[in-house]
PDB file of N, CA and C in Angstrom:
ATOM      1  N   MET A   1       0.840  -1.184   0.000  1.00  0.00           N
ATOM      2  CA  MET A   1       0.000   0.000   0.000  1.00  0.00           C
ATOM      3  C   MET A   1       0.883   1.244   0.000  1.00  0.00           C
ATOM      4  N   ARG A   2       0.574   2.175  -0.862  1.00  0.00           N
ATOM      5  CA  ARG A   2       1.333   3.417  -0.928  1.00  0.00           C
ATOM      6  C   ARG A   2       0.851   4.378   0.141  1.00  0.00           C
ATOM      7  N   VAL A   3       1.793   5.018   0.775  1.00  0.00           N
ATOM      8  CA  VAL A   3       1.479   5.939   1.860  1.00  0.00           C
ATOM      9  C   VAL A   3       1.639   7.386   1.405  1.00  0.00           C
ATOM     10  N   VAL A   4       2.621   7.659   0.577  1.00  0.00           N
ATOM     11  CA  VAL A   4       2.904   9.021   0.132  1.00  0.00           C
ATOM     12  C   VAL A   4       2.085   9.333  -1.117  1.00  0.00           C
ATOM     13  N   MET A   5       1.305  10.435  -1.060  1.00  0.00           N
ATOM     14  CA  MET A   5       0.504  10.863  -2.204  1.00  0.00           C
ATOM     15  C   MET A   5       1.297  11.795  -3.110  1.00  0.00           C
ATOM     16  N   SER A   6       2.026  12.749  -2.499  1.00  0.00           N
ATOM     17  CA  SER A   6       2.814  13.688  -3.291  1.00  0.00           C
ATOM     18  C   SER A   6       3.955  14.242  -2.453  1.00  0.00           C
ATOM     19  N   VAL A   7       4.979  14.735  -3.149  1.00  0.00           N
ATOM     20  CA  VAL A   7       6.132  15.346  -2.494  1.00  0.00           C
ATOM     21  C   VAL A   7       6.467  16.622  -3.252  1.00  0.00           C
ATOM     22  N   GLN A   8       6.635  17.713  -2.509  1.00  0.00           N
ATOM     23  CA  GLN A   8       7.084  18.972  -3.092  1.00  0.00           C
ATOM     24  C   GLN A   8       8.430  19.295  -2.473  1.00  0.00           C
ATOM     25  N   ILE A   9       9.439  19.422  -3.302  1.00  0.00           N
ATOM     26  CA  ILE A   9      10.786  19.685  -2.804  1.00  0.00           C
ATOM     27  C   ILE A   9      11.068  21.175  -2.916  1.00  0.00           C
ATOM     28  N   LYS A  10      11.307  21.800  -1.770  1.00  0.00           N
ATOM     29  CA  LYS A  10      11.638  23.224  -1.706  1.00  0.00           C
ATOM     30  C   LYS A  10      13.126  23.362  -1.427  1.00  0.00           C
ATOM     31  N   LYS A  11      13.591  24.593  -1.290  1.00  0.00           N
ATOM     32  CA  LYS A  11      15.018  24.832  -1.065  1.00  0.00           C
ATOM     33  C   LYS A  11      15.512  24.196   0.234  1.00  0.00           C
ATOM     34  N   ASN A  12      14.796  24.407   1.333  1.00  0.00           N
ATOM     35  CA  ASN A  12      15.242  23.927   2.645  1.00  0.00           C
ATOM     36  C   ASN A  12      14.379  22.819   3.235  1.00  0.00           C
ATOM     37  N   VAL A  13      13.244  22.530   2.612  1.00  0.00           N
ATOM     38  CA  VAL A  13      12.324  21.523   3.151  1.00  0.00           C
ATOM     39  C   VAL A  13      11.694  20.715   2.019  1.00  0.00           C
ATOM     40  N   SER A  14      11.109  19.592   2.373  1.00  0.00           N
ATOM     41  CA  SER A  14      10.295  18.805   1.446  1.00  0.00           C
ATOM     42  C   SER A  14       8.922  18.640   2.084  1.00  0.00           C
ATOM     43  N   ILE A  15       7.875  18.875   1.318  1.00  0.00           N
ATOM     44  CA  ILE A  15       6.510  18.758   1.817  1.00  0.00           C
ATOM     45  C   ILE A  15       5.956  17.424   1.329  1.00  0.00           C
ATOM     46  N   VAL A  16       5.569  16.563   2.278  1.00  0.00           N
ATOM     47  CA  VAL A  16       5.091  15.216   1.964  1.00  0.00           C
ATOM     48  C   VAL A  16       3.617  15.126   2.318  1.00  0.00           C
ATOM     49  N   GLU A  17       2.784  14.797   1.335  1.00  0.00           N
ATOM     50  CA  GLU A  17       1.356  14.593   1.553  1.00  0.00           C
ATOM     51  C   GLU A  17       1.119  13.089   1.622  1.00  0.00           C
ATOM     52  N   MET A  18       0.536  12.630   2.750  1.00  0.00           N
ATOM     53  CA  MET A  18       0.386  11.194   2.987  1.00  0.00           C
ATOM     54  C   MET A  18      -1.083  10.789   2.996  1.00  0.00           C
ATOM     55  N   THR A  19      -1.346   9.509   2.713  1.00  0.00           N
ATOM     56  CA  THR A  19      -2.711   8.992   2.719  1.00  0.00           C
ATOM     57  C   THR A  19      -3.183   8.637   4.127  1.00  0.00           C
ATOM     58  N   ARG A  20      -2.240   8.514   5.052  1.00  0.00           N
ATOM     59  CA  ARG A  20      -2.581   8.209   6.444  1.00  0.00           C
ATOM     60  C   ARG A  20      -1.645   9.001   7.351  1.00  0.00           C
ATOM     61  N   GLU A  21      -1.942   8.982   8.637  1.00  0.00           N
ATOM     62  CA  GLU A  21      -1.093   9.667   9.610  1.00  0.00           C
ATOM     63  C   GLU A  21       0.226   8.909   9.764  1.00  0.00           C
ATOM     64  N   ALA A  22       1.311   9.650   9.880  1.00  0.00           N
ATOM     65  CA  ALA A  22       2.634   9.040  10.040  1.00  0.00           C
ATOM     66  C   ALA A  22       2.752   8.392  11.415  1.00  0.00           C
ATOM     67  N   THR A  23       3.485   7.302  11.468  1.00  0.00           N
ATOM     68  CA  THR A  23       3.738   6.630  12.742  1.00  0.00           C
ATOM     69  C   THR A  23       4.806   7.405  13.516  1.00  0.00           C
ATOM     70  N   PRO A  24       4.875   7.228  14.837  1.00  0.00           N
ATOM     71  CA  PRO A  24       5.921   7.902  15.614  1.00  0.00           C
ATOM     72  C   PRO A  24       7.328   7.600  15.099  1.00  0.00           C
ATOM     73  N   LYS A  25       7.551   6.377  14.644  1.00  0.00           N
ATOM     74  CA  LYS A  25       8.866   6.000  14.105  1.00  0.00           C
ATOM     75  C   LYS A  25       9.184   6.797  12.834  1.00  0.00           C
ATOM     76  N   GLU A  26       8.191   6.955  11.950  1.00  0.00           N
ATOM     77  CA  GLU A  26       8.377   7.740  10.725  1.00  0.00           C
ATOM     78  C   GLU A  26       8.616   9.211  11.043  1.00  0.00           C
ATOM     79  N   ILE A  27       7.889   9.734  12.019  1.00  0.00           N
ATOM     80  CA  ILE A  27       8.038  11.136  12.415  1.00  0.00           C
ATOM     81  C   ILE A  27       9.452  11.404  12.902  1.00  0.00           C
ATOM     82  N   ASP A  28       9.964  10.533  13.754  1.00  0.00           N
ATOM     83  CA  ASP A  28      11.317  10.703  14.294  1.00  0.00           C
ATOM     84  C   ASP A  28      12.388  10.505  13.225  1.00  0.00           C
ATOM     85  N   ALA A  29      12.255   9.476  12.423  1.00  0.00           N
ATOM     86  CA  ALA A  29      13.278   9.152  11.424  1.00  0.00           C
ATOM     87  C   ALA A  29      13.377  10.206  10.324  1.00  0.00           C
ATOM     88  N   CYS A  30      12.235  10.787   9.950  1.00  0.00           N
ATOM     89  CA  CYS A  30      12.213  11.739   8.832  1.00  0.00           C
ATOM     90  C   CYS A  30      12.081  13.191   9.282  1.00  0.00           C
ATOM     91  N   LYS A  31      12.016  13.416  10.594  1.00  0.00           N
ATOM     92  CA  LYS A  31      11.857  14.770  11.153  1.00  0.00           C
ATOM     93  C   LYS A  31      10.617  15.460  10.575  1.00  0.00           C
ATOM     94  N   LEU A  32       9.492  14.738  10.592  1.00  0.00           N
ATOM     95  CA  LEU A  32       8.245  15.263  10.046  1.00  0.00           C
ATOM     96  C   LEU A  32       7.585  16.228  11.022  1.00  0.00           C
ATOM     97  N   VAL A  33       6.876  17.212  10.467  1.00  0.00           N
ATOM     98  CA  VAL A  33       6.095  18.163  11.253  1.00  0.00           C
ATOM     99  C   VAL A  33       4.656  18.067  10.762  1.00  0.00           C
ATOM    100  N   TYR A  34       3.712  17.848  11.668  1.00  0.00           N
ATOM    101  CA  TYR A  34       2.300  17.709  11.302  1.00  0.00           C
ATOM    102  C   TYR A  34       1.695  19.087  11.049  1.00  0.00           C
ATOM    103  N   CYS A  35       1.084  19.271   9.878  1.00  0.00           N
ATOM    104  CA  CYS A  35       0.494  20.564   9.512  1.00  0.00           C
ATOM    105  C   CYS A  35      -1.023  20.516   9.425  1.00  0.00           C
ATOM    106  N   GLY A  36      -1.634  19.378   9.683  1.00  0.00           N
ATOM    107  CA  GLY A  36      -3.082  19.301   9.700  1.00  0.00           C
ATOM    108  C   GLY A  36      -3.632  18.194   8.824  1.00  0.00           C
ATOM    109  N   HIS A  37      -4.954  18.024   8.912  1.00  0.00           N
ATOM    110  CA  HIS A  37      -5.675  16.992   8.170  1.00  0.00           C
ATOM    111  C   HIS A  37      -6.499  17.682   7.095  1.00  0.00           C
ATOM    112  N   GLY A  38      -6.358  17.246   5.873  1.00  0.00           N
ATOM    113  CA  GLY A  38      -7.134  17.824   4.790  1.00  0.00           C
ATOM    114  C   GLY A  38      -6.334  17.891   3.511  1.00  0.00           C
ATOM    115  N   SER A  39      -6.815  18.690   2.589  1.00  0.00           N
ATOM    116  CA  SER A  39      -6.184  18.841   1.287  1.00  0.00           C
ATOM    117  C   SER A  39      -5.110  19.924   1.323  1.00  0.00           C
ATOM    118  N   TRP A  40      -4.141  19.820   0.424  1.00  0.00           N
ATOM    119  CA  TRP A  40      -3.049  20.791   0.341  1.00  0.00           C
ATOM    120  C   TRP A  40      -3.587  22.210   0.150  1.00  0.00           C
ATOM    121  N   LYS A  41      -4.706  22.363  -0.552  1.00  0.00           N
ATOM    122  CA  LYS A  41      -5.254  23.684  -0.858  1.00  0.00           C
ATOM    123  C   LYS A  41      -6.061  24.285   0.291  1.00  0.00           C
ATOM    124  N   ASP A  42      -6.345  23.525   1.335  1.00  0.00           N
ATOM    125  CA  ASP A  42      -7.120  24.040   2.465  1.00  0.00           C
ATOM    126  C   ASP A  42      -6.380  25.182   3.143  1.00  0.00           C
ATOM    127  N   LYS A  43      -7.137  26.203   3.539  1.00  0.00           N
ATOM    128  CA  LYS A  43      -6.545  27.410   4.127  1.00  0.00           C
ATOM    129  C   LYS A  43      -5.736  27.097   5.386  1.00  0.00           C
ATOM    130  N   HIS A  44      -6.268  26.261   6.276  1.00  0.00           N
ATOM    131  CA  HIS A  44      -5.565  25.976   7.531  1.00  0.00           C
ATOM    132  C   HIS A  44      -4.256  25.220   7.287  1.00  0.00           C
ATOM    133  N   ILE A  45      -4.208  24.405   6.242  1.00  0.00           N
ATOM    134  CA  ILE A  45      -2.964  23.706   5.898  1.00  0.00           C
ATOM    135  C   ILE A  45      -1.930  24.719   5.418  1.00  0.00           C
ATOM    136  N   GLN A  46      -2.335  25.630   4.551  1.00  0.00           N
ATOM    137  CA  GLN A  46      -1.421  26.652   4.037  1.00  0.00           C
ATOM    138  C   GLN A  46      -0.874  27.526   5.162  1.00  0.00           C
ATOM    139  N   GLU A  47      -1.739  27.905   6.109  1.00  0.00           N
ATOM    140  CA  GLU A  47      -1.297  28.728   7.244  1.00  0.00           C
ATOM    141  C   GLU A  47      -0.277  27.977   8.097  1.00  0.00           C
ATOM    142  N   ASN A  48      -0.528  26.704   8.350  1.00  0.00           N
ATOM    143  CA  ASN A  48       0.399  25.912   9.166  1.00  0.00           C
ATOM    144  C   ASN A  48       1.725  25.675   8.452  1.00  0.00           C
ATOM    145  N   VAL A  49       1.691  25.474   7.150  1.00  0.00           N
ATOM    146  CA  VAL A  49       2.929  25.278   6.392  1.00  0.00           C
ATOM    147  C   VAL A  49       3.780  26.543   6.441  1.00  0.00           C
ATOM    148  N   GLU A  50       3.136  27.705   6.316  1.00  0.00           N
ATOM    149  CA  GLU A  50       3.870  28.975   6.353  1.00  0.00           C
ATOM    150  C   GLU A  50       4.583  29.182   7.683  1.00  0.00           C
ATOM    151  N   ARG A  51       4.070  28.637   8.753  1.00  0.00           N
ATOM    152  CA  ARG A  51       4.717  28.761  10.069  1.00  0.00           C
ATOM    153  C   ARG A  51       6.074  28.072  10.109  1.00  0.00           C
ATOM    154  N   TYR A  52       6.203  26.979   9.366  1.00  0.00           N
ATOM    155  CA  TYR A  52       7.413  26.161   9.439  1.00  0.00           C
ATOM    156  C   TYR A  52       8.406  26.418   8.312  1.00  0.00           C
ATOM    157  N   ILE A  53       7.973  27.113   7.264  1.00  0.00           N
ATOM    158  CA  ILE A  53       8.887  27.375   6.134  1.00  0.00           C
ATOM    159  C   ILE A  53       9.529  28.738   6.297  1.00  0.00           C
TER     160      ILE A  53
END
């Protein structure tokens, strides 16, 4: 089963859109930051992404 839906590679970060919530092991290993539940175009997702970029 595929977990990653899309990846956007930026200068200092990579944005990974997943089909399910990341496990604690994945979060630690990949240094993931949770930005919310929903679509990439959702306003709250965009606001949360801007906080970390």
